[in-house]
Amino acid sequence: MTLFFSFIQLQRTLDSVNYLLHVNTGSKIKHFKSLHRQTGIPYSEMLFFDDEHRNVEVEKLGVTFHHVPRGLTFEMFEKGLEEWRRRQSSN
């Protein structure tokens, strides 16, 4: 599958990734609310991988959460993306 992004969409995506790389501590709910405010990206379009299961709380916002207890591998990435896609198709 080929993804096409406008320059503005690409810049927003890169800004979002940069923001998330700096999110370490504190409430992930708070971080995702801030990310949503800054980017306008709907929660339902967000996918979050984390090794701390307690951060599943972001699903209350509509974010897809995928637990990666041993870190993110390609296989875990694919599984998370599958779950995100499944949720997209059911909306």
PDB file of N, CA and C in Angstrom:
ATOM      1  N   MET A   1       0.848  -1.177   0.000  1.00  0.00           N
ATOM      2  CA  MET A   1       0.000   0.000   0.000  1.00  0.00           C
ATOM      3  C   MET A   1       0.891   1.236   0.000  1.00  0.00           C
ATOM      4  N   THR A   2       0.554   2.183  -0.818  1.00  0.00           N
ATOM      5  CA  THR A   2       1.297   3.433  -0.907  1.00  0.00           C
ATOM      6  C   THR A   2       0.521   4.515  -0.173  1.00  0.00           C
ATOM      7  N   LEU A   3       1.213   5.267   0.644  1.00  0.00           N
ATOM      8  CA  LEU A   3       0.588   6.363   1.371  1.00  0.00           C
ATOM      9  C   LEU A   3       1.033   7.676   0.767  1.00  0.00           C
ATOM     10  N   PHE A   4       0.095   8.553   0.528  1.00  0.00           N
ATOM     11  CA  PHE A   4       0.389   9.873  -0.001  1.00  0.00           C
ATOM     12  C   PHE A   4       0.088  10.907   1.064  1.00  0.00           C
ATOM     13  N   PHE A   5       1.016  11.778   1.295  1.00  0.00           N
ATOM     14  CA  PHE A   5       0.846  12.837   2.277  1.00  0.00           C
ATOM     15  C   PHE A   5       1.074  14.184   1.605  1.00  0.00           C
ATOM     16  N   SER A   6       0.282  15.139   1.969  1.00  0.00           N
ATOM     17  CA  SER A   6       0.606  16.494   1.546  1.00  0.00           C
ATOM     18  C   SER A   6       1.755  16.952   2.434  1.00  0.00           C
ATOM     19  N   PHE A   7       2.429  17.989   2.039  1.00  0.00           N
ATOM     20  CA  PHE A   7       3.537  18.503   2.845  1.00  0.00           C
ATOM     21  C   PHE A   7       3.069  18.879   4.249  1.00  0.00           C
ATOM     22  N   ILE A   8       1.890  19.490   4.344  1.00  0.00           N
ATOM     23  CA  ILE A   8       1.373  19.901   5.654  1.00  0.00           C
ATOM     24  C   ILE A   8       1.099  18.681   6.519  1.00  0.00           C
ATOM     25  N   GLN A   9       0.489  17.633   5.940  1.00  0.00           N
ATOM     26  CA  GLN A   9       0.229  16.415   6.699  1.00  0.00           C
ATOM     27  C   GLN A   9       1.536  15.782   7.155  1.00  0.00           C
ATOM     28  N   LEU A  10       2.518  15.749   6.274  1.00  0.00           N
ATOM     29  CA  LEU A  10       3.815  15.176   6.618  1.00  0.00           C
ATOM     30  C   LEU A  10       4.464  15.959   7.747  1.00  0.00           C
ATOM     31  N   GLN A  11       4.422  17.276   7.671  1.00  0.00           N
ATOM     32  CA  GLN A  11       5.019  18.104   8.715  1.00  0.00           C
ATOM     33  C   GLN A  11       4.314  17.876  10.051  1.00  0.00           C
ATOM     34  N   ARG A  12       2.977  17.804  10.030  1.00  0.00           N
ATOM     35  CA  ARG A  12       2.222  17.544  11.266  1.00  0.00           C
ATOM     36  C   ARG A  12       2.592  16.185  11.836  1.00  0.00           C
ATOM     37  N   THR A  13       2.760  15.202  10.964  1.00  0.00           N
ATOM     38  CA  THR A  13       3.132  13.862  11.411  1.00  0.00           C
ATOM     39  C   THR A  13       4.519  13.880  12.043  1.00  0.00           C
ATOM     40  N   LEU A  14       5.465  14.524  11.390  1.00  0.00           N
ATOM     41  CA  LEU A  14       6.820  14.608  11.933  1.00  0.00           C
ATOM     42  C   LEU A  14       6.854  15.371  13.249  1.00  0.00           C
ATOM     43  N   ASP A  15       6.078  16.446  13.344  1.00  0.00           N
ATOM     44  CA  ASP A  15       5.987  17.187  14.597  1.00  0.00           C
ATOM     45  C   ASP A  15       5.413  16.312  15.702  1.00  0.00           C
ATOM     46  N   SER A  16       4.422  15.496  15.358  1.00  0.00           N
ATOM     47  CA  SER A  16       3.799  14.606  16.335  1.00  0.00           C
ATOM     48  C   SER A  16       4.789  13.566  16.824  1.00  0.00           C
ATOM     49  N   VAL A  17       5.537  12.975  15.889  1.00  0.00           N
ATOM     50  CA  VAL A  17       6.543  11.982  16.264  1.00  0.00           C
ATOM     51  C   VAL A  17       7.586  12.625  17.156  1.00  0.00           C
ATOM     52  N   ASN A  18       8.035  13.805  16.799  1.00  0.00           N
ATOM     53  CA  ASN A  18       9.019  14.510  17.609  1.00  0.00           C
ATOM     54  C   ASN A  18       8.480  14.759  19.012  1.00  0.00           C
ATOM     55  N   TYR A  19       7.209  15.166  19.103  1.00  0.00           N
ATOM     56  CA  TYR A  19       6.591  15.401  20.402  1.00  0.00           C
ATOM     57  C   TYR A  19       6.562  14.113  21.219  1.00  0.00           C
ATOM     58  N   LEU A  20       6.154  13.023  20.595  1.00  0.00           N
ATOM     59  CA  LEU A  20       6.041  11.760  21.321  1.00  0.00           C
ATOM     60  C   LEU A  20       7.388  11.220  21.771  1.00  0.00           C
ATOM     61  N   LEU A  21       8.433  11.516  21.031  1.00  0.00           N
ATOM     62  CA  LEU A  21       9.757  11.058  21.443  1.00  0.00           C
ATOM     63  C   LEU A  21      10.187  11.704  22.758  1.00  0.00           C
ATOM     64  N   HIS A  22       9.574  12.823  23.076  1.00  0.00           N
ATOM     65  CA  HIS A  22       9.933  13.540  24.298  1.00  0.00           C
ATOM     66  C   HIS A  22       8.962  13.290  25.437  1.00  0.00           C
ATOM     67  N   VAL A  23       7.995  12.404  25.243  1.00  0.00           N
ATOM     68  CA  VAL A  23       7.020  12.076  26.281  1.00  0.00           C
ATOM     69  C   VAL A  23       7.550  10.883  27.058  1.00  0.00           C
ATOM     70  N   ASN A  24       7.890  11.114  28.312  1.00  0.00           N
ATOM     71  CA  ASN A  24       8.434  10.022  29.110  1.00  0.00           C
ATOM     72  C   ASN A  24       7.619   9.751  30.360  1.00  0.00           C
ATOM     73  N   THR A  25       7.352  10.776  31.107  1.00  0.00           N
ATOM     74  CA  THR A  25       6.705  10.579  32.390  1.00  0.00           C
ATOM     75  C   THR A  25       5.375  11.313  32.445  1.00  0.00           C
ATOM     76  N   GLY A  26       4.594  10.961  33.421  1.00  0.00           N
ATOM     77  CA  GLY A  26       3.321  11.632  33.624  1.00  0.00           C
ATOM     78  C   GLY A  26       2.183  10.896  32.955  1.00  0.00           C
ATOM     79  N   SER A  27       1.017  11.465  33.077  1.00  0.00           N
ATOM     80  CA  SER A  27      -0.194  10.861  32.545  1.00  0.00           C
ATOM     81  C   SER A  27      -0.183  10.858  31.024  1.00  0.00           C
ATOM     82  N   LYS A  28      -0.350   9.688  30.454  1.00  0.00           N
ATOM     83  CA  LYS A  28      -0.417   9.591  28.993  1.00  0.00           C
ATOM     84  C   LYS A  28      -1.726  10.196  28.486  1.00  0.00           C
ATOM     85  N   ILE A  29      -2.760  10.182  29.312  1.00  0.00           N
ATOM     86  CA  ILE A  29      -4.024  10.843  28.943  1.00  0.00           C
ATOM     87  C   ILE A  29      -3.725  12.321  28.683  1.00  0.00           C
ATOM     88  N   LYS A  30      -3.002  12.929  29.596  1.00  0.00           N
ATOM     89  CA  LYS A  30      -2.648  14.347  29.465  1.00  0.00           C
ATOM     90  C   LYS A  30      -1.821  14.579  28.199  1.00  0.00           C
ATOM     91  N   HIS A  31      -0.869  13.699  27.940  1.00  0.00           N
ATOM     92  CA  HIS A  31      -0.006  13.836  26.765  1.00  0.00           C
ATOM     93  C   HIS A  31      -0.818  13.707  25.470  1.00  0.00           C
ATOM     94  N   PHE A  32      -1.734  12.751  25.427  1.00  0.00           N
ATOM     95  CA  PHE A  32      -2.520  12.566  24.214  1.00  0.00           C
ATOM     96  C   PHE A  32      -3.521  13.694  24.002  1.00  0.00           C
ATOM     97  N   LYS A  33      -4.057  14.241  25.084  1.00  0.00           N
ATOM     98  CA  LYS A  33      -4.942  15.407  24.938  1.00  0.00           C
ATOM     99  C   LYS A  33      -4.165  16.576  24.346  1.00  0.00           C
ATOM    100  N   SER A  34      -2.943  16.761  24.811  1.00  0.00           N
ATOM    101  CA  SER A  34      -2.087  17.829  24.302  1.00  0.00           C
ATOM    102  C   SER A  34      -1.742  17.578  22.831  1.00  0.00           C
ATOM    103  N   LEU A  35      -1.399  16.352  22.506  1.00  0.00           N
ATOM    104  CA  LEU A  35      -1.068  15.990  21.127  1.00  0.00           C
ATOM    105  C   LEU A  35      -2.266  16.237  20.211  1.00  0.00           C
ATOM    106  N   HIS A  36      -3.440  15.862  20.668  1.00  0.00           N
ATOM    107  CA  HIS A  36      -4.669  16.070  19.897  1.00  0.00           C
ATOM    108  C   HIS A  36      -4.921  17.560  19.667  1.00  0.00           C
ATOM    109  N   ARG A  37      -4.742  18.350  20.713  1.00  0.00           N
ATOM    110  CA  ARG A  37      -4.929  19.807  20.594  1.00  0.00           C
ATOM    111  C   ARG A  37      -3.947  20.402  19.593  1.00  0.00           C
ATOM    112  N   GLN A  38      -2.696  19.964  19.655  1.00  0.00           N
ATOM    113  CA  GLN A  38      -1.645  20.533  18.808  1.00  0.00           C
ATOM    114  C   GLN A  38      -1.765  20.120  17.348  1.00  0.00           C
ATOM    115  N   THR A  39      -2.256  18.913  17.091  1.00  0.00           N
ATOM    116  CA  THR A  39      -2.247  18.394  15.724  1.00  0.00           C
ATOM    117  C   THR A  39      -3.619  18.321  15.073  1.00  0.00           C
ATOM    118  N   GLY A  40      -4.672  18.247  15.890  1.00  0.00           N
ATOM    119  CA  GLY A  40      -6.010  18.065  15.346  1.00  0.00           C
ATOM    120  C   GLY A  40      -6.279  16.635  14.900  1.00  0.00           C
ATOM    121  N   ILE A  41      -5.338  15.741  15.127  1.00  0.00           N
ATOM    122  CA  ILE A  41      -5.522  14.337  14.749  1.00  0.00           C
ATOM    123  C   ILE A  41      -6.521  13.706  15.718  1.00  0.00           C
ATOM    124  N   PRO A  42      -7.577  13.090  15.182  1.00  0.00           N
ATOM    125  CA  PRO A  42      -8.570  12.449  16.061  1.00  0.00           C
ATOM    126  C   PRO A  42      -7.940  11.298  16.851  1.00  0.00           C
ATOM    127  N   TYR A  43      -8.402  11.123  18.080  1.00  0.00           N
ATOM    128  CA  TYR A  43      -7.884  10.037  18.918  1.00  0.00           C
ATOM    129  C   TYR A  43      -8.031   8.688  18.228  1.00  0.00           C
ATOM    130  N   SER A  44      -9.131   8.505  17.513  1.00  0.00           N
ATOM    131  CA  SER A  44      -9.400   7.221  16.856  1.00  0.00           C
ATOM    132  C   SER A  44      -8.376   6.890  15.778  1.00  0.00           C
ATOM    133  N   GLU A  45      -7.608   7.876  15.336  1.00  0.00           N
ATOM    134  CA  GLU A  45      -6.587   7.640  14.316  1.00  0.00           C
ATOM    135  C   GLU A  45      -5.196   7.449  14.917  1.00  0.00           C
ATOM    136  N   MET A  46      -5.117   7.449  16.244  1.00  0.00           N
ATOM    137  CA  MET A  46      -3.827   7.305  16.922  1.00  0.00           C
ATOM    138  C   MET A  46      -3.599   5.866  17.356  1.00  0.00           C
ATOM    139  N   LEU A  47      -2.343   5.455  17.265  1.00  0.00           N
ATOM    140  CA  LEU A  47      -1.908   4.125  17.695  1.00  0.00           C
ATOM    141  C   LEU A  47      -0.729   4.331  18.629  1.00  0.00           C
ATOM    142  N   PHE A  48      -0.806   3.747  19.825  1.00  0.00           N
ATOM    143  CA  PHE A  48       0.211   3.965  20.855  1.00  0.00           C
ATOM    144  C   PHE A  48       0.775   2.623  21.300  1.00  0.00           C
ATOM    145  N   PHE A  49       2.091   2.473  21.196  1.00  0.00           N
ATOM    146  CA  PHE A  49       2.802   1.290  21.677  1.00  0.00           C
ATOM    147  C   PHE A  49       3.513   1.668  22.964  1.00  0.00           C
ATOM    148  N   ASP A  50       3.391   0.815  23.985  1.00  0.00           N
ATOM    149  CA  ASP A  50       4.072   1.106  25.251  1.00  0.00           C
ATOM    150  C   ASP A  50       4.373  -0.195  25.981  1.00  0.00           C
ATOM    151  N   ASP A  51       5.482  -0.185  26.718  1.00  0.00           N
ATOM    152  CA  ASP A  51       5.852  -1.365  27.494  1.00  0.00           C
ATOM    153  C   ASP A  51       5.207  -1.369  28.879  1.00  0.00           C
ATOM    154  N   GLU A  52       4.528  -0.300  29.238  1.00  0.00           N
ATOM    155  CA  GLU A  52       3.850  -0.232  30.537  1.00  0.00           C
ATOM    156  C   GLU A  52       2.348  -0.404  30.325  1.00  0.00           C
ATOM    157  N   HIS A  53       1.820  -1.534  30.761  1.00  0.00           N
ATOM    158  CA  HIS A  53       0.415  -1.852  30.522  1.00  0.00           C
ATOM    159  C   HIS A  53      -0.531  -0.856  31.183  1.00  0.00           C
ATOM    160  N   ARG A  54      -0.104  -0.218  32.250  1.00  0.00           N
ATOM    161  CA  ARG A  54      -0.979   0.747  32.941  1.00  0.00           C
ATOM    162  C   ARG A  54      -1.390   1.899  32.016  1.00  0.00           C
ATOM    163  N   ASN A  55      -0.643   2.122  30.960  1.00  0.00           N
ATOM    164  CA  ASN A  55      -0.953   3.217  30.036  1.00  0.00           C
ATOM    165  C   ASN A  55      -2.064   2.872  29.052  1.00  0.00           C
ATOM    166  N   VAL A  56      -2.666   1.694  29.237  1.00  0.00           N
ATOM    167  CA  VAL A  56      -3.835   1.308  28.452  1.00  0.00           C
ATOM    168  C   VAL A  56      -4.967   2.315  28.662  1.00  0.00           C
ATOM    169  N   GLU A  57      -4.851   3.132  29.695  1.00  0.00           N
ATOM    170  CA  GLU A  57      -5.869   4.139  30.009  1.00  0.00           C
ATOM    171  C   GLU A  57      -6.160   5.069  28.828  1.00  0.00           C
ATOM    172  N   VAL A  58      -5.225   5.207  27.890  1.00  0.00           N
ATOM    173  CA  VAL A  58      -5.453   6.100  26.746  1.00  0.00           C
ATOM    174  C   VAL A  58      -6.595   5.614  25.857  1.00  0.00           C
ATOM    175  N   GLU A  59      -6.967   4.341  25.994  1.00  0.00           N
ATOM    176  CA  GLU A  59      -8.082   3.829  25.204  1.00  0.00           C
ATOM    177  C   GLU A  59      -9.391   4.508  25.594  1.00  0.00           C
ATOM    178  N   LYS A  60      -9.464   5.093  26.794  1.00  0.00           N
ATOM    179  CA  LYS A  60     -10.650   5.848  27.212  1.00  0.00           C
ATOM    180  C   LYS A  60     -10.900   7.021  26.263  1.00  0.00           C
ATOM    181  N   LEU A  61      -9.826   7.524  25.644  1.00  0.00           N
ATOM    182  CA  LEU A  61      -9.929   8.635  24.704  1.00  0.00           C
ATOM    183  C   LEU A  61     -10.281   8.168  23.291  1.00  0.00           C
ATOM    184  N   GLY A  62     -10.074   6.885  23.037  1.00  0.00           N
ATOM    185  CA  GLY A  62     -10.299   6.358  21.691  1.00  0.00           C
ATOM    186  C   GLY A  62      -9.014   5.986  20.974  1.00  0.00           C
ATOM    187  N   VAL A  63      -7.880   6.159  21.645  1.00  0.00           N
ATOM    188  CA  VAL A  63      -6.567   5.794  21.093  1.00  0.00           C
ATOM    189  C   VAL A  63      -6.451   4.268  21.108  1.00  0.00           C
ATOM    190  N   THR A  64      -5.900   3.688  20.054  1.00  0.00           N
ATOM    191  CA  THR A  64      -5.611   2.254  20.062  1.00  0.00           C
ATOM    192  C   THR A  64      -4.293   2.059  20.795  1.00  0.00           C
ATOM    193  N   PHE A  65      -4.315   1.215  21.809  1.00  0.00           N
ATOM    194  CA  PHE A  65      -3.130   0.926  22.621  1.00  0.00           C
ATOM    195  C   PHE A  65      -2.675  -0.492  22.325  1.00  0.00           C
ATOM    196  N   HIS A  66      -1.359  -0.665  22.169  1.00  0.00           N
ATOM    197  CA  HIS A  66      -0.805  -2.008  22.005  1.00  0.00           C
ATOM    198  C   HIS A  66       0.360  -2.174  22.977  1.00  0.00           C
ATOM    199  N   HIS A  67       0.206  -3.158  23.861  1.00  0.00           N
ATOM    200  CA  HIS A  67       1.229  -3.413  24.881  1.00  0.00           C
ATOM    201  C   HIS A  67       2.408  -4.176  24.272  1.00  0.00           C
ATOM    202  N   VAL A  68       3.605  -3.671  24.514  1.00  0.00           N
ATOM    203  CA  VAL A  68       4.835  -4.308  24.013  1.00  0.00           C
ATOM    204  C   VAL A  68       5.764  -4.533  25.203  1.00  0.00           C
ATOM    205  N   PRO A  69       5.522  -5.582  25.993  1.00  0.00           N
ATOM    206  CA  PRO A  69       6.255  -5.782  27.248  1.00  0.00           C
ATOM    207  C   PRO A  69       7.768  -5.913  27.093  1.00  0.00           C
ATOM    208  N   ARG A  70       8.214  -6.388  25.942  1.00  0.00           N
ATOM    209  CA  ARG A  70       9.666  -6.557  25.730  1.00  0.00           C
ATOM    210  C   ARG A  70      10.216  -5.571  24.709  1.00  0.00           C
ATOM    211  N   GLY A  71       9.468  -4.520  24.474  1.00  0.00           N
ATOM    212  CA  GLY A  71       9.897  -3.527  23.500  1.00  0.00           C
ATOM    213  C   GLY A  71       9.235  -3.758  22.152  1.00  0.00           C
ATOM    214  N   LEU A  72       9.363  -2.770  21.303  1.00  0.00           N
ATOM    215  CA  LEU A  72       8.707  -2.807  19.998  1.00  0.00           C
ATOM    216  C   LEU A  72       9.556  -3.586  18.996  1.00  0.00           C
ATOM    217  N   THR A  73       8.970  -4.650  18.480  1.00  0.00           N
ATOM    218  CA  THR A  73       9.591  -5.437  17.416  1.00  0.00           C
ATOM    219  C   THR A  73       8.744  -5.259  16.162  1.00  0.00           C
ATOM    220  N   PHE A  74       9.243  -5.697  15.045  1.00  0.00           N
ATOM    221  CA  PHE A  74       8.466  -5.604  13.812  1.00  0.00           C
ATOM    222  C   PHE A  74       7.164  -6.391  13.938  1.00  0.00           C
ATOM    223  N   GLU A  75       7.238  -7.568  14.549  1.00  0.00           N
ATOM    224  CA  GLU A  75       6.045  -8.405  14.734  1.00  0.00           C
ATOM    225  C   GLU A  75       5.008  -7.693  15.606  1.00  0.00           C
ATOM    226  N   MET A  76       5.454  -7.077  16.700  1.00  0.00           N
ATOM    227  CA  MET A  76       4.536  -6.352  17.578  1.00  0.00           C
ATOM    228  C   MET A  76       3.962  -5.132  16.860  1.00  0.00           C
ATOM    229  N   PHE A  77       4.780  -4.475  16.051  1.00  0.00           N
ATOM    230  CA  PHE A  77       4.302  -3.333  15.273  1.00  0.00           C
ATOM    231  C   PHE A  77       3.181  -3.776  14.336  1.00  0.00           C
ATOM    232  N   GLU A  78       3.392  -4.898  13.639  1.00  0.00           N
ATOM    233  CA  GLU A  78       2.373  -5.412  12.727  1.00  0.00           C
ATOM    234  C   GLU A  78       1.081  -5.753  13.460  1.00  0.00           C
ATOM    235  N   LYS A  79       1.185  -6.358  14.647  1.00  0.00           N
ATOM    236  CA  LYS A  79      -0.003  -6.719  15.420  1.00  0.00           C
ATOM    237  C   LYS A  79      -0.758  -5.466  15.867  1.00  0.00           C
ATOM    238  N   GLY A  80      -0.038  -4.466  16.313  1.00  0.00           N
ATOM    239  CA  GLY A  80      -0.672  -3.215  16.711  1.00  0.00           C
ATOM    240  C   GLY A  80      -1.361  -2.543  15.538  1.00  0.00           C
ATOM    241  N   LEU A  81      -0.698  -2.548  14.395  1.00  0.00           N
ATOM    242  CA  LEU A  81      -1.271  -1.952  13.193  1.00  0.00           C
ATOM    243  C   LEU A  81      -2.512  -2.719  12.741  1.00  0.00           C
ATOM    244  N   GLU A  82      -2.492  -4.042  12.868  1.00  0.00           N
ATOM    245  CA  GLU A  82      -3.667  -4.862  12.550  1.00  0.00           C
ATOM    246  C   GLU A  82      -4.856  -4.461  13.426  1.00  0.00           C
ATOM    247  N   GLU A  83      -4.608  -4.316  14.716  1.00  0.00           N
ATOM    248  CA  GLU A  83      -5.670  -3.927  15.639  1.00  0.00           C
ATOM    249  C   GLU A  83      -6.204  -2.545  15.283  1.00  0.00           C
ATOM    250  N   TRP A  84      -5.303  -1.619  14.993  1.00  0.00           N
ATOM    251  CA  TRP A  84      -5.709  -0.266  14.613  1.00  0.00           C
ATOM    252  C   TRP A  84      -6.569  -0.307  13.352  1.00  0.00           C
ATOM    253  N   ARG A  85      -6.147  -1.075  12.350  1.00  0.00           N
ATOM    254  CA  ARG A  85      -6.907  -1.209  11.098  1.00  0.00           C
ATOM    255  C   ARG A  85      -8.276  -1.819  11.350  1.00  0.00           C
ATOM    256  N   ARG A  86      -8.341  -2.843  12.213  1.00  0.00           N
ATOM    257  CA  ARG A  86      -9.610  -3.476  12.532  1.00  0.00           C
ATOM    258  C   ARG A  86     -10.576  -2.465  13.123  1.00  0.00           C
ATOM    259  N   ARG A  87     -10.056  -1.640  14.020  1.00  0.00           N
ATOM    260  CA  ARG A  87     -10.909  -0.611  14.635  1.00  0.00           C
ATOM    261  C   ARG A  87     -11.334   0.442  13.616  1.00  0.00           C
ATOM    262  N   GLN A  88     -10.465   0.774  12.684  1.00  0.00           N
ATOM    263  CA  GLN A  88     -10.813   1.749  11.646  1.00  0.00           C
ATOM    264  C   GLN A  88     -11.941   1.220  10.774  1.00  0.00           C
ATOM    265  N   SER A  89     -11.879  -0.049  10.440  1.00  0.00           N
ATOM    266  CA  SER A  89     -12.901  -0.612   9.550  1.00  0.00           C
ATOM    267  C   SER A  89     -14.239  -0.791  10.249  1.00  0.00           C
ATOM    268  N   SER A  90     -14.248  -0.850  11.588  1.00  0.00           N
ATOM    269  CA  SER A  90     -15.510  -1.012  12.308  1.00  0.00           C
ATOM    270  C   SER A  90     -16.178   0.323  12.601  1.00  0.00           C
ATOM    271  N   ASN A  91     -15.484   1.425  12.328  1.00  0.00           N
ATOM    272  CA  ASN A  91     -16.068   2.763  12.544  1.00  0.00           C
ATOM    273  C   ASN A  91     -16.855   3.237  11.369  1.00  0.00           C
TER     274      ASN A  91
END
